[in-house]
Amino acid sequence: MEKAIALLEVQAMVAATVGLDAMLKAADVRLIHVEKKLGGRLVTVVVDGTVSAVEAAAEAGRLAAAQVGKVKLCEVIARPHEEILRFLYQDPLEDDVQPKGE
């Protein structure tokens, strides 16, 4: 099964939380990274899973976040390069999050 990641970047932590909640409820994805800029006024959340799950989660997150804030970016990357995964995963010591040449 092909892996993918989705990035949802929004203005304000509230919109990020609402968007992330919708993403996690919409499909079988998991949170792998959170990036806060400007004191939390610009927040990016990243989830991973199968391509179809990530696409469904991204759309649900984008729609939910837009209800309460401004969405700056919503993007799905199918089959991300291994170096991108090293950059994004928050806990590189977990065996199950490291790419295994799938």
PDB file of N, CA and C in Angstrom:
ATOM      1  N   MET A   1       0.831  -1.188   0.000  1.00  0.00           N
ATOM      2  CA  MET A   1       0.000   0.000   0.000  1.00  0.00           C
ATOM      3  C   MET A   1       0.873   1.248   0.000  1.00  0.00           C
ATOM      4  N   GLU A   2       0.535   2.179  -0.845  1.00  0.00           N
ATOM      5  CA  GLU A   2       1.296   3.415  -0.940  1.00  0.00           C
ATOM      6  C   GLU A   2       0.986   4.325   0.237  1.00  0.00           C
ATOM      7  N   LYS A   3       2.007   4.968   0.769  1.00  0.00           N
ATOM      8  CA  LYS A   3       1.844   5.924   1.858  1.00  0.00           C
ATOM      9  C   LYS A   3       1.763   7.333   1.298  1.00  0.00           C
ATOM     10  N   ALA A   4       1.161   8.214   2.083  1.00  0.00           N
ATOM     11  CA  ALA A   4       1.057   9.616   1.700  1.00  0.00           C
ATOM     12  C   ALA A   4       1.056  10.462   2.966  1.00  0.00           C
ATOM     13  N   ILE A   5       1.294  11.759   2.773  1.00  0.00           N
ATOM     14  CA  ILE A   5       1.159  12.722   3.867  1.00  0.00           C
ATOM     15  C   ILE A   5       0.260  13.857   3.399  1.00  0.00           C
ATOM     16  N   ALA A   6      -0.395  14.492   4.358  1.00  0.00           N
ATOM     17  CA  ALA A   6      -1.194  15.685   4.067  1.00  0.00           C
ATOM     18  C   ALA A   6      -0.736  16.790   4.995  1.00  0.00           C
ATOM     19  N   LEU A   7      -0.603  17.988   4.445  1.00  0.00           N
ATOM     20  CA  LEU A   7      -0.249  19.164   5.224  1.00  0.00           C
ATOM     21  C   LEU A   7      -1.429  20.113   5.208  1.00  0.00           C
ATOM     22  N   LEU A   8      -1.835  20.572   6.389  1.00  0.00           N
ATOM     23  CA  LEU A   8      -2.900  21.549   6.516  1.00  0.00           C
ATOM     24  C   LEU A   8      -2.332  22.726   7.297  1.00  0.00           C
ATOM     25  N   GLU A   9      -2.225  23.875   6.629  1.00  0.00           N
ATOM     26  CA  GLU A   9      -1.684  25.066   7.262  1.00  0.00           C
ATOM     27  C   GLU A   9      -2.797  26.098   7.385  1.00  0.00           C
ATOM     28  N   VAL A  10      -2.989  26.591   8.611  1.00  0.00           N
ATOM     29  CA  VAL A  10      -4.091  27.514   8.891  1.00  0.00           C
ATOM     30  C   VAL A  10      -3.612  28.651   9.773  1.00  0.00           C
ATOM     31  N   GLN A  11      -4.409  29.693   9.804  1.00  0.00           N
ATOM     32  CA  GLN A  11      -4.152  30.792  10.729  1.00  0.00           C
ATOM     33  C   GLN A  11      -4.876  30.472  12.022  1.00  0.00           C
ATOM     34  N   ALA A  12      -4.161  30.432  13.121  1.00  0.00           N
ATOM     35  CA  ALA A  12      -4.672  30.266  14.483  1.00  0.00           C
ATOM     36  C   ALA A  12      -4.762  28.811  14.916  1.00  0.00           C
ATOM     37  N   MET A  13      -4.477  28.606  16.161  1.00  0.00           N
ATOM     38  CA  MET A  13      -4.478  27.277  16.761  1.00  0.00           C
ATOM     39  C   MET A  13      -5.879  26.662  16.783  1.00  0.00           C
ATOM     40  N   VAL A  14      -6.896  27.477  16.948  1.00  0.00           N
ATOM     41  CA  VAL A  14      -8.261  26.946  16.983  1.00  0.00           C
ATOM     42  C   VAL A  14      -8.604  26.281  15.657  1.00  0.00           C
ATOM     43  N   ALA A  15      -8.328  26.944  14.548  1.00  0.00           N
ATOM     44  CA  ALA A  15      -8.605  26.367  13.232  1.00  0.00           C
ATOM     45  C   ALA A  15      -7.786  25.101  13.017  1.00  0.00           C
ATOM     46  N   ALA A  16      -6.552  25.083  13.505  1.00  0.00           N
ATOM     47  CA  ALA A  16      -5.712  23.886  13.371  1.00  0.00           C
ATOM     48  C   ALA A  16      -6.301  22.722  14.162  1.00  0.00           C
ATOM     49  N   THR A  17      -6.775  23.001  15.346  1.00  0.00           N
ATOM     50  CA  THR A  17      -7.361  21.955  16.181  1.00  0.00           C
ATOM     51  C   THR A  17      -8.637  21.404  15.566  1.00  0.00           C
ATOM     52  N   VAL A  18      -9.492  22.287  15.082  1.00  0.00           N
ATOM     53  CA  VAL A  18     -10.739  21.857  14.441  1.00  0.00           C
ATOM     54  C   VAL A  18     -10.433  21.056  13.174  1.00  0.00           C
ATOM     55  N   GLY A  19      -9.498  21.536  12.371  1.00  0.00           N
ATOM     56  CA  GLY A  19      -9.124  20.835  11.150  1.00  0.00           C
ATOM     57  C   GLY A  19      -8.520  19.473  11.437  1.00  0.00           C
ATOM     58  N   LEU A  20      -7.632  19.410  12.409  1.00  0.00           N
ATOM     59  CA  LEU A  20      -6.998  18.140  12.770  1.00  0.00           C
ATOM     60  C   LEU A  20      -8.030  17.153  13.305  1.00  0.00           C
ATOM     61  N   ASP A  21      -8.944  17.621  14.123  1.00  0.00           N
ATOM     62  CA  ASP A  21     -10.000  16.757  14.646  1.00  0.00           C
ATOM     63  C   ASP A  21     -10.802  16.131  13.497  1.00  0.00           C
ATOM     64  N   ALA A  22     -11.162  16.944  12.528  1.00  0.00           N
ATOM     65  CA  ALA A  22     -11.911  16.440  11.373  1.00  0.00           C
ATOM     66  C   ALA A  22     -11.083  15.447  10.566  1.00  0.00           C
ATOM     67  N   MET A  23      -9.795  15.707  10.417  1.00  0.00           N
ATOM     68  CA  MET A  23      -8.922  14.804   9.666  1.00  0.00           C
ATOM     69  C   MET A  23      -8.847  13.434  10.331  1.00  0.00           C
ATOM     70  N   LEU A  24      -8.659  13.438  11.641  1.00  0.00           N
ATOM     71  CA  LEU A  24      -8.508  12.181  12.364  1.00  0.00           C
ATOM     72  C   LEU A  24      -9.810  11.386  12.419  1.00  0.00           C
ATOM     73  N   LYS A  25     -10.934  12.084  12.410  1.00  0.00           N
ATOM     74  CA  LYS A  25     -12.233  11.407  12.431  1.00  0.00           C
ATOM     75  C   LYS A  25     -12.657  10.919  11.047  1.00  0.00           C
ATOM     76  N   ALA A  26     -12.171  11.552  10.000  1.00  0.00           N
ATOM     77  CA  ALA A  26     -12.616  11.241   8.641  1.00  0.00           C
ATOM     78  C   ALA A  26     -11.985   9.980   8.060  1.00  0.00           C
ATOM     79  N   ALA A  27     -10.781   9.659   8.488  1.00  0.00           N
ATOM     80  CA  ALA A  27     -10.076   8.531   7.862  1.00  0.00           C
ATOM     81  C   ALA A  27      -9.037   7.965   8.821  1.00  0.00           C
ATOM     82  N   ASP A  28      -8.482   6.841   8.450  1.00  0.00           N
ATOM     83  CA  ASP A  28      -7.467   6.174   9.256  1.00  0.00           C
ATOM     84  C   ASP A  28      -6.105   6.804   8.984  1.00  0.00           C
ATOM     85  N   VAL A  29      -5.873   7.958   9.625  1.00  0.00           N
ATOM     86  CA  VAL A  29      -4.607   8.675   9.512  1.00  0.00           C
ATOM     87  C   VAL A  29      -4.090   8.957  10.917  1.00  0.00           C
ATOM     88  N   ARG A  30      -2.839   9.348  11.000  1.00  0.00           N
ATOM     89  CA  ARG A  30      -2.292   9.705  12.313  1.00  0.00           C
ATOM     90  C   ARG A  30      -1.465  10.982  12.203  1.00  0.00           C
ATOM     91  N   LEU A  31      -1.462  11.724  13.273  1.00  0.00           N
ATOM     92  CA  LEU A  31      -0.699  12.961  13.349  1.00  0.00           C
ATOM     93  C   LEU A  31       0.782  12.621  13.472  1.00  0.00           C
ATOM     94  N   ILE A  32       1.603  13.242  12.625  1.00  0.00           N
ATOM     95  CA  ILE A  32       3.046  12.989  12.704  1.00  0.00           C
ATOM     96  C   ILE A  32       3.855  14.244  12.998  1.00  0.00           C
ATOM     97  N   HIS A  33       3.265  15.424  12.781  1.00  0.00           N
ATOM     98  CA  HIS A  33       4.056  16.639  12.985  1.00  0.00           C
ATOM     99  C   HIS A  33       3.144  17.848  13.162  1.00  0.00           C
ATOM    100  N   VAL A  34       3.563  18.761  14.033  1.00  0.00           N
ATOM    101  CA  VAL A  34       2.890  20.052  14.208  1.00  0.00           C
ATOM    102  C   VAL A  34       3.962  21.122  14.187  1.00  0.00           C
ATOM    103  N   GLU A  35       3.739  22.144  13.419  1.00  0.00           N
ATOM    104  CA  GLU A  35       4.683  23.266  13.314  1.00  0.00           C
ATOM    105  C   GLU A  35       3.929  24.545  13.634  1.00  0.00           C
ATOM    106  N   LYS A  36       4.419  25.290  14.639  1.00  0.00           N
ATOM    107  CA  LYS A  36       3.781  26.556  15.006  1.00  0.00           C
ATOM    108  C   LYS A  36       4.732  27.703  14.700  1.00  0.00           C
ATOM    109  N   LYS A  37       4.226  28.694  13.989  1.00  0.00           N
ATOM    110  CA  LYS A  37       5.004  29.886  13.651  1.00  0.00           C
ATOM    111  C   LYS A  37       4.274  31.119  14.186  1.00  0.00           C
ATOM    112  N   LEU A  38       5.007  32.172  14.389  1.00  0.00           N
ATOM    113  CA  LEU A  38       4.438  33.444  14.818  1.00  0.00           C
ATOM    114  C   LEU A  38       3.628  33.286  16.102  1.00  0.00           C
ATOM    115  N   GLY A  39       4.158  32.515  17.048  1.00  0.00           N
ATOM    116  CA  GLY A  39       3.486  32.349  18.330  1.00  0.00           C
ATOM    117  C   GLY A  39       2.172  31.592  18.230  1.00  0.00           C
ATOM    118  N   GLY A  40       2.045  30.707  17.274  1.00  0.00           N
ATOM    119  CA  GLY A  40       0.826  29.929  17.121  1.00  0.00           C
ATOM    120  C   GLY A  40      -0.206  30.566  16.214  1.00  0.00           C
ATOM    121  N   ARG A  41       0.135  31.700  15.615  1.00  0.00           N
ATOM    122  CA  ARG A  41      -0.819  32.336  14.700  1.00  0.00           C
ATOM    123  C   ARG A  41      -0.835  31.662  13.334  1.00  0.00           C
ATOM    124  N   LEU A  42       0.188  30.891  13.034  1.00  0.00           N
ATOM    125  CA  LEU A  42       0.234  30.110  11.799  1.00  0.00           C
ATOM    126  C   LEU A  42       0.642  28.692  12.210  1.00  0.00           C
ATOM    127  N   VAL A  43      -0.236  27.733  11.963  1.00  0.00           N
ATOM    128  CA  VAL A  43      -0.017  26.364  12.421  1.00  0.00           C
ATOM    129  C   VAL A  43      -0.150  25.404  11.244  1.00  0.00           C
ATOM    130  N   THR A  44       0.795  24.476  11.149  1.00  0.00           N
ATOM    131  CA  THR A  44       0.743  23.426  10.134  1.00  0.00           C
ATOM    132  C   THR A  44       0.674  22.090  10.843  1.00  0.00           C
ATOM    133  N   VAL A  45      -0.300  21.269  10.464  1.00  0.00           N
ATOM    134  CA  VAL A  45      -0.391  19.902  10.976  1.00  0.00           C
ATOM    135  C   VAL A  45      -0.156  18.957   9.801  1.00  0.00           C
ATOM    136  N   VAL A  46       0.510  17.842  10.093  1.00  0.00           N
ATOM    137  CA  VAL A  46       0.823  16.861   9.064  1.00  0.00           C
ATOM    138  C   VAL A  46       0.342  15.498   9.547  1.00  0.00           C
ATOM    139  N   VAL A  47      -0.395  14.800   8.686  1.00  0.00           N
ATOM    140  CA  VAL A  47      -0.859  13.449   8.993  1.00  0.00           C
ATOM    141  C   VAL A  47      -0.344  12.495   7.933  1.00  0.00           C
ATOM    142  N   ASP A  48      -0.304  11.204   8.268  1.00  0.00           N
ATOM    143  CA  ASP A  48       0.080  10.209   7.274  1.00  0.00           C
ATOM    144  C   ASP A  48      -0.895   9.046   7.274  1.00  0.00           C
ATOM    145  N   GLY A  49      -0.817   8.242   6.216  1.00  0.00           N
ATOM    146  CA  GLY A  49      -1.669   7.080   6.040  1.00  0.00           C
ATOM    147  C   GLY A  49      -1.615   6.646   4.589  1.00  0.00           C
ATOM    148  N   THR A  50      -2.584   5.854   4.187  1.00  0.00           N
ATOM    149  CA  THR A  50      -2.651   5.461   2.782  1.00  0.00           C
ATOM    150  C   THR A  50      -3.082   6.664   1.954  1.00  0.00           C
ATOM    151  N   VAL A  51      -2.841   6.605   0.665  1.00  0.00           N
ATOM    152  CA  VAL A  51      -3.158   7.734  -0.205  1.00  0.00           C
ATOM    153  C   VAL A  51      -4.638   8.095  -0.119  1.00  0.00           C
ATOM    154  N   SER A  52      -5.508   7.106  -0.218  1.00  0.00           N
ATOM    155  CA  SER A  52      -6.945   7.397  -0.190  1.00  0.00           C
ATOM    156  C   SER A  52      -7.387   7.955   1.157  1.00  0.00           C
ATOM    157  N   ALA A  53      -6.854   7.426   2.250  1.00  0.00           N
ATOM    158  CA  ALA A  53      -7.215   7.924   3.578  1.00  0.00           C
ATOM    159  C   ALA A  53      -6.727   9.356   3.769  1.00  0.00           C
ATOM    160  N   VAL A  54      -5.512   9.632   3.328  1.00  0.00           N
ATOM    161  CA  VAL A  54      -4.943  10.974   3.486  1.00  0.00           C
ATOM    162  C   VAL A  54      -5.713  11.988   2.641  1.00  0.00           C
ATOM    163  N   GLU A  55      -6.106  11.602   1.437  1.00  0.00           N
ATOM    164  CA  GLU A  55      -6.885  12.517   0.597  1.00  0.00           C
ATOM    165  C   GLU A  55      -8.228  12.844   1.248  1.00  0.00           C
ATOM    166  N   ALA A  56      -8.902  11.836   1.799  1.00  0.00           N
ATOM    167  CA  ALA A  56     -10.185  12.066   2.477  1.00  0.00           C
ATOM    168  C   ALA A  56      -9.996  12.932   3.717  1.00  0.00           C
ATOM    169  N   ALA A  57      -8.952  12.665   4.476  1.00  0.00           N
ATOM    170  CA  ALA A  57      -8.683  13.435   5.683  1.00  0.00           C
ATOM    171  C   ALA A  57      -8.355  14.891   5.351  1.00  0.00           C
ATOM    172  N   ALA A  58      -7.573  15.100   4.314  1.00  0.00           N
ATOM    173  CA  ALA A  58      -7.191  16.461   3.932  1.00  0.00           C
ATOM    174  C   ALA A  58      -8.420  17.284   3.558  1.00  0.00           C
ATOM    175  N   GLU A  59      -9.302  16.702   2.785  1.00  0.00           N
ATOM    176  CA  GLU A  59     -10.512  17.421   2.378  1.00  0.00           C
ATOM    177  C   GLU A  59     -11.397  17.732   3.587  1.00  0.00           C
ATOM    178  N   ALA A  60     -11.558  16.780   4.482  1.00  0.00           N
ATOM    179  CA  ALA A  60     -12.370  17.009   5.682  1.00  0.00           C
ATOM    180  C   ALA A  60     -11.736  18.079   6.570  1.00  0.00           C
ATOM    181  N   GLY A  61     -10.433  18.031   6.717  1.00  0.00           N
ATOM    182  CA  GLY A  61      -9.737  19.021   7.540  1.00  0.00           C
ATOM    183  C   GLY A  61      -9.812  20.413   6.955  1.00  0.00           C
ATOM    184  N   ARG A  62      -9.654  20.504   5.648  1.00  0.00           N
ATOM    185  CA  ARG A  62      -9.729  21.806   4.980  1.00  0.00           C
ATOM    186  C   ARG A  62     -11.104  22.435   5.161  1.00  0.00           C
ATOM    187  N   LEU A  63     -12.137  21.648   4.957  1.00  0.00           N
ATOM    188  CA  LEU A  63     -13.504  22.170   5.089  1.00  0.00           C
ATOM    189  C   LEU A  63     -13.817  22.579   6.525  1.00  0.00           C
ATOM    190  N   ALA A  64     -13.423  21.767   7.484  1.00  0.00           N
ATOM    191  CA  ALA A  64     -13.703  22.070   8.884  1.00  0.00           C
ATOM    192  C   ALA A  64     -12.936  23.310   9.354  1.00  0.00           C
ATOM    193  N   ALA A  65     -11.660  23.393   8.990  1.00  0.00           N
ATOM    194  CA  ALA A  65     -10.845  24.535   9.410  1.00  0.00           C
ATOM    195  C   ALA A  65     -11.352  25.834   8.794  1.00  0.00           C
ATOM    196  N   ALA A  66     -11.848  25.760   7.568  1.00  0.00           N
ATOM    197  CA  ALA A  66     -12.360  26.952   6.886  1.00  0.00           C
ATOM    198  C   ALA A  66     -13.614  27.503   7.564  1.00  0.00           C
ATOM    199  N   GLN A  67     -14.302  26.670   8.329  1.00  0.00           N
ATOM    200  CA  GLN A  67     -15.500  27.122   9.041  1.00  0.00           C
ATOM    201  C   GLN A  67     -15.156  28.069  10.193  1.00  0.00           C
ATOM    202  N   VAL A  68     -13.955  27.928  10.751  1.00  0.00           N
ATOM    203  CA  VAL A  68     -13.587  28.719  11.934  1.00  0.00           C
ATOM    204  C   VAL A  68     -12.373  29.609  11.732  1.00  0.00           C
ATOM    205  N   GLY A  69     -11.700  29.502  10.597  1.00  0.00           N
ATOM    206  CA  GLY A  69     -10.498  30.296  10.371  1.00  0.00           C
ATOM    207  C   GLY A  69     -10.117  30.311   8.910  1.00  0.00           C
ATOM    208  N   LYS A  70      -8.902  30.767   8.669  1.00  0.00           N
ATOM    209  CA  LYS A  70      -8.416  30.883   7.296  1.00  0.00           C
ATOM    210  C   LYS A  70      -7.426  29.771   6.987  1.00  0.00           C
ATOM    211  N   VAL A  71      -7.716  29.015   5.932  1.00  0.00           N
ATOM    212  CA  VAL A  71      -6.825  27.947   5.483  1.00  0.00           C
ATOM    213  C   VAL A  71      -5.813  28.545   4.509  1.00  0.00           C
ATOM    214  N   LYS A  72      -4.546  28.382   4.829  1.00  0.00           N
ATOM    215  CA  LYS A  72      -3.482  28.893   3.968  1.00  0.00           C
ATOM    216  C   LYS A  72      -3.041  27.855   2.941  1.00  0.00           C
ATOM    217  N   LEU A  73      -3.048  26.572   3.337  1.00  0.00           N
ATOM    218  CA  LEU A  73      -2.564  25.513   2.465  1.00  0.00           C
ATOM    219  C   LEU A  73      -3.180  24.193   2.880  1.00  0.00           C
ATOM    220  N   CYS A  74      -3.529  23.394   1.913  1.00  0.00           N
ATOM    221  CA  CYS A  74      -3.936  22.009   2.152  1.00  0.00           C
ATOM    222  C   CYS A  74      -3.394  21.202   0.985  1.00  0.00           C
ATOM    223  N   GLU A  75      -2.465  20.322   1.271  1.00  0.00           N
ATOM    224  CA  GLU A  75      -1.774  19.610   0.195  1.00  0.00           C
ATOM    225  C   GLU A  75      -1.533  18.157   0.565  1.00  0.00           C
ATOM    226  N   VAL A  76      -1.694  17.270  -0.388  1.00  0.00           N
ATOM    227  CA  VAL A  76      -1.407  15.845  -0.217  1.00  0.00           C
ATOM    228  C   VAL A  76      -0.179  15.508  -1.043  1.00  0.00           C
ATOM    229  N   ILE A  77       0.744  14.772  -0.437  1.00  0.00           N
ATOM    230  CA  ILE A  77       1.931  14.311  -1.144  1.00  0.00           C
ATOM    231  C   ILE A  77       1.923  12.787  -1.088  1.00  0.00           C
ATOM    232  N   ALA A  78       1.692  12.171  -2.234  1.00  0.00           N
ATOM    233  CA  ALA A  78       1.716  10.707  -2.316  1.00  0.00           C
ATOM    234  C   ALA A  78       3.159  10.237  -2.445  1.00  0.00           C
ATOM    235  N   ARG A  79       3.475   9.130  -1.818  1.00  0.00           N
ATOM    236  CA  ARG A  79       4.811   8.541  -1.862  1.00  0.00           C
ATOM    237  C   ARG A  79       5.919   9.564  -1.599  1.00  0.00           C
ATOM    238  N   PRO A  80       5.878  10.250  -0.436  1.00  0.00           N
ATOM    239  CA  PRO A  80       6.912  11.247  -0.165  1.00  0.00           C
ATOM    240  C   PRO A  80       8.301  10.601  -0.074  1.00  0.00           C
ATOM    241  N   HIS A  81       9.293  11.369  -0.455  1.00  0.00           N
ATOM    242  CA  HIS A  81      10.675  10.908  -0.413  1.00  0.00           C
ATOM    243  C   HIS A  81      11.063  10.613   1.035  1.00  0.00           C
ATOM    244  N   GLU A  82      11.938   9.652   1.231  1.00  0.00           N
ATOM    245  CA  GLU A  82      12.384   9.227   2.555  1.00  0.00           C
ATOM    246  C   GLU A  82      12.957  10.384   3.378  1.00  0.00           C
ATOM    247  N   GLU A  83      13.674  11.297   2.761  1.00  0.00           N
ATOM    248  CA  GLU A  83      14.256  12.426   3.489  1.00  0.00           C
ATOM    249  C   GLU A  83      13.176  13.365   4.044  1.00  0.00           C
ATOM    250  N   ILE A  84      12.069  13.495   3.341  1.00  0.00           N
ATOM    251  CA  ILE A  84      10.959  14.304   3.853  1.00  0.00           C
ATOM    252  C   ILE A  84      10.397  13.662   5.105  1.00  0.00           C
ATOM    253  N   LEU A  85      10.273  12.343   5.099  1.00  0.00           N
ATOM    254  CA  LEU A  85       9.743  11.649   6.269  1.00  0.00           C
ATOM    255  C   LEU A  85      10.638  11.836   7.480  1.00  0.00           C
ATOM    256  N   ARG A  86      11.933  11.788   7.300  1.00  0.00           N
ATOM    257  CA  ARG A  86      12.872  12.015   8.419  1.00  0.00           C
ATOM    258  C   ARG A  86      12.697  13.401   9.012  1.00  0.00           C
ATOM    259  N   PHE A  87      12.404  14.355   8.162  1.00  0.00           N
ATOM    260  CA  PHE A  87      12.212  15.737   8.606  1.00  0.00           C
ATOM    261  C   PHE A  87      10.917  15.901   9.396  1.00  0.00           C
ATOM    262  N   LEU A  88       9.884  15.176   9.017  1.00  0.00           N
ATOM    263  CA  LEU A  88       8.563  15.390   9.595  1.00  0.00           C
ATOM    264  C   LEU A  88       8.256  14.583  10.848  1.00  0.00           C
ATOM    265  N   TYR A  89       8.699  13.339  10.928  1.00  0.00           N
ATOM    266  CA  TYR A  89       8.336  12.512  12.074  1.00  0.00           C
ATOM    267  C   TYR A  89       8.948  13.080  13.333  1.00  0.00           C
ATOM    268  N   GLN A  90       8.117  13.233  14.351  1.00  0.00           N
ATOM    269  CA  GLN A  90       8.558  13.884  15.578  1.00  0.00           C
ATOM    270  C   GLN A  90       9.407  12.973  16.456  1.00  0.00           C
ATOM    271  N   ASP A  91       9.166  11.670  16.424  1.00  0.00           N
ATOM    272  CA  ASP A  91       9.912  10.743  17.263  1.00  0.00           C
ATOM    273  C   ASP A  91      10.608   9.707  16.391  1.00  0.00           C
ATOM    274  N   PRO A  92      11.842   9.994  15.970  1.00  0.00           N
ATOM    275  CA  PRO A  92      12.538   9.081  15.060  1.00  0.00           C
ATOM    276  C   PRO A  92      12.907   7.749  15.719  1.00  0.00           C
ATOM    277  N   LEU A  93      12.730   7.611  17.027  1.00  0.00           N
ATOM    278  CA  LEU A  93      13.077   6.368  17.704  1.00  0.00           C
ATOM    279  C   LEU A  93      11.996   5.305  17.568  1.00  0.00           C
ATOM    280  N   GLU A  94      10.798   5.681  17.181  1.00  0.00           N
ATOM    281  CA  GLU A  94       9.738   4.709  16.996  1.00  0.00           C
ATOM    282  C   GLU A  94      10.020   3.890  15.738  1.00  0.00           C
ATOM    283  N   ASP A  95      10.059   2.576  15.889  1.00  0.00           N
ATOM    284  CA  ASP A  95      10.359   1.695  14.761  1.00  0.00           C
ATOM    285  C   ASP A  95       9.285   1.735  13.691  1.00  0.00           C
ATOM    286  N   ASP A  96       8.022   1.881  14.092  1.00  0.00           N
ATOM    287  CA  ASP A  96       6.931   1.784  13.115  1.00  0.00           C
ATOM    288  C   ASP A  96       6.754   3.024  12.263  1.00  0.00           C
ATOM    289  N   VAL A  97       7.450   4.116  12.548  1.00  0.00           N
ATOM    290  CA  VAL A  97       7.285   5.320  11.737  1.00  0.00           C
ATOM    291  C   VAL A  97       8.414   5.500  10.734  1.00  0.00           C
ATOM    292  N   GLN A  98       9.448   4.701  10.833  1.00  0.00           N
ATOM    293  CA  GLN A  98      10.540   4.844   9.896  1.00  0.00           C
ATOM    294  C   GLN A  98      10.216   4.137   8.587  1.00  0.00           C
ATOM    295  N   PRO A  99      10.537   4.738   7.459  1.00  0.00           N
ATOM    296  CA  PRO A  99      10.288   4.098   6.166  1.00  0.00           C
ATOM    297  C   PRO A  99      11.073   2.799   6.080  1.00  0.00           C
ATOM    298  N   LYS A 100      10.456   1.759   5.548  1.00  0.00           N
ATOM    299  CA  LYS A 100      11.097   0.457   5.465  1.00  0.00           C
ATOM    300  C   LYS A 100      11.185  -0.014   4.034  1.00  0.00           C
ATOM    301  N   GLY A 101      11.295   0.907   3.086  1.00  0.00           N
ATOM    302  CA  GLY A 101      11.443   0.544   1.691  1.00  0.00           C
ATOM    303  C   GLY A 101      10.203  -0.076   1.097  1.00  0.00           C
ATOM    304  N   GLU A 102       9.040   0.408   1.521  1.00  0.00           N
ATOM    305  CA  GLU A 102       7.769  -0.128   1.001  1.00  0.00           C
ATOM    306  C   GLU A 102       7.598   0.159  -0.455  1.00  0.00           C
TER     307      GLU A 102
END
